[in-house]
Amino acid sequence: MDNLILEYLDEFKTAKMGDFEKLLENFRTREQVKYIVERLLKNKTLIREGRAKGTRYKKGI
């Protein structure tokens, strides 16, 4: 699932949590998507910009 998120960011550069939820809706629940994103943030694969509804994610290292 990580690869799908990273491929999405290769194409669109930034995304919101809702974009990831739509991307993975047939494979994972909302909570599972949030867990995956948090894990990617923790290992610096993703970078979080903004807060609350304005939060966007982009590729990190």
Protein backbone atom coordinates (compact mmCIF):
# COMPACT_ATOMS: atom_id res chain seq x y z
CA MET A 1 0.00 0.00 0.00
CA ASP A 2 2.94 2.32 0.66
CA ASN A 3 3.89 2.08 -3.00
CA LEU A 4 0.43 3.22 -4.14
CA ILE A 5 0.69 6.32 -1.95
CA LEU A 6 4.20 7.11 -3.17
CA GLU A 7 3.23 6.58 -6.82
CA TYR A 8 0.26 8.91 -6.30
CA LEU A 9 2.61 11.58 -4.93
CA ASP A 10 5.00 11.08 -7.86
CA GLU A 11 2.15 12.08 -10.14
CA PHE A 12 0.35 14.76 -8.10
CA LYS A 13 3.20 16.02 -5.81
CA THR A 14 0.87 16.69 -2.82
CA ALA A 15 -2.26 15.08 -1.41
CA LYS A 16 -4.77 15.31 1.40
CA MET A 17 -5.80 12.41 3.62
CA GLY A 18 -9.04 12.14 1.64
CA ASP A 19 -7.04 11.55 -1.54
CA PHE A 20 -5.30 8.59 0.10
CA GLU A 21 -8.60 7.28 1.43
CA LYS A 22 -10.13 7.33 -2.06
CA LEU A 23 -7.01 5.74 -3.54
CA LEU A 24 -7.15 2.84 -1.08
CA GLU A 25 -10.91 2.62 -0.42
CA ASN A 26 -11.18 -0.87 -1.94
CA PHE A 27 -8.24 -2.18 0.06
CA ARG A 28 -8.16 -0.47 3.48
CA THR A 29 -10.45 1.22 6.00
CA ARG A 30 -10.05 4.90 6.87
CA GLU A 31 -8.28 3.98 10.13
CA GLN A 32 -5.86 1.68 8.31
CA VAL A 33 -5.04 4.44 5.81
CA LYS A 34 -4.36 6.85 8.69
CA TYR A 35 -2.07 4.26 10.29
CA ILE A 36 -0.12 3.81 7.04
CA VAL A 37 0.27 7.58 6.61
CA GLU A 38 1.43 8.02 10.23
CA ARG A 39 4.00 5.25 9.74
CA LEU A 40 5.29 6.93 6.57
CA LEU A 41 5.53 10.23 8.45
CA LYS A 42 7.43 8.61 11.30
CA ASN A 43 10.08 7.15 9.00
CA LYS A 44 10.22 10.47 7.06
CA THR A 45 8.98 8.99 3.78
CA LEU A 46 6.20 11.61 3.89
CA ILE A 47 6.22 15.22 5.07
CA ARG A 48 3.15 16.89 6.59
CA GLU A 49 2.41 20.51 5.74
CA GLY A 50 -0.37 22.52 7.36
CA ARG A 51 -2.87 21.63 10.04
CA ALA A 52 -6.36 20.20 10.39
CA LYS A 53 -8.39 20.31 7.15
CA GLY A 54 -5.58 22.16 5.40
CA THR A 55 -3.05 19.37 5.95
CA ARG A 56 -1.27 18.22 2.82
CA TYR A 57 1.33 15.50 2.41
CA LYS A 58 4.31 15.28 0.09
CA LYS A 59 7.21 12.91 -0.39
CA GLY A 60 10.05 13.19 2.08
CA ILE A 61 13.47 11.63 1.77
